[in-house]
Amino acid sequence: MRAREQRGRAYVWNGNYERAFEDFDAALKLDPKSPSTFAARGFAFLRQGNYAAANQEFDAAIQLNPANPLSFIERGVVHYQEKNYEMSIRDLDYAIELDPAEGATFAFRAEVYRAMGDKERAIRNYDEAIRLGFKGAVEQRRAIVTSK
């Protein structure tokens, strides 16, 4: 099961979604309650821009393993892409509760606040991302501080 899921992930990164879904389907036949396989399928749908399907897969992954912050982050990305910012923030808040040391989550939450026009919260989240060592937030923070 794990090998099929891993190969499916590699296919996703190479853009071969048909083969990826074949491997994910095979992996789910072996273990129909694998949260990581549902999350991998969700990521594939996300990369394709199929947000409804991605959301369903992340919902399944979360239902099977509600302690995994990555599924909440990825579902937050889906909501962000759909411009459903409040739902995105909700998922990112929960991911941060699960893993408060992940700077990238704070940086992404800052991007959502930025899209919402909440510059103050965006800056606070960039600051926290930087404090946690997420170096990519430095330039992002600088851009929002110098923008009008």
Foldseek 3Di string as FASTA:
>chain_A
DVVLQVVLLVCLVVVNNVSSVVSLVVVCVVPVQDLSSLQSNLVSCVVVVVLVSSLVSLVSSCVSPVLALVSLQSNLVSCVVVVVLVSSLVSLVSSCVSPVLQLVSLQVNLVSCVVVVNLVSSLVSLVSSVVSPNVVSPVVNVVSVPDD
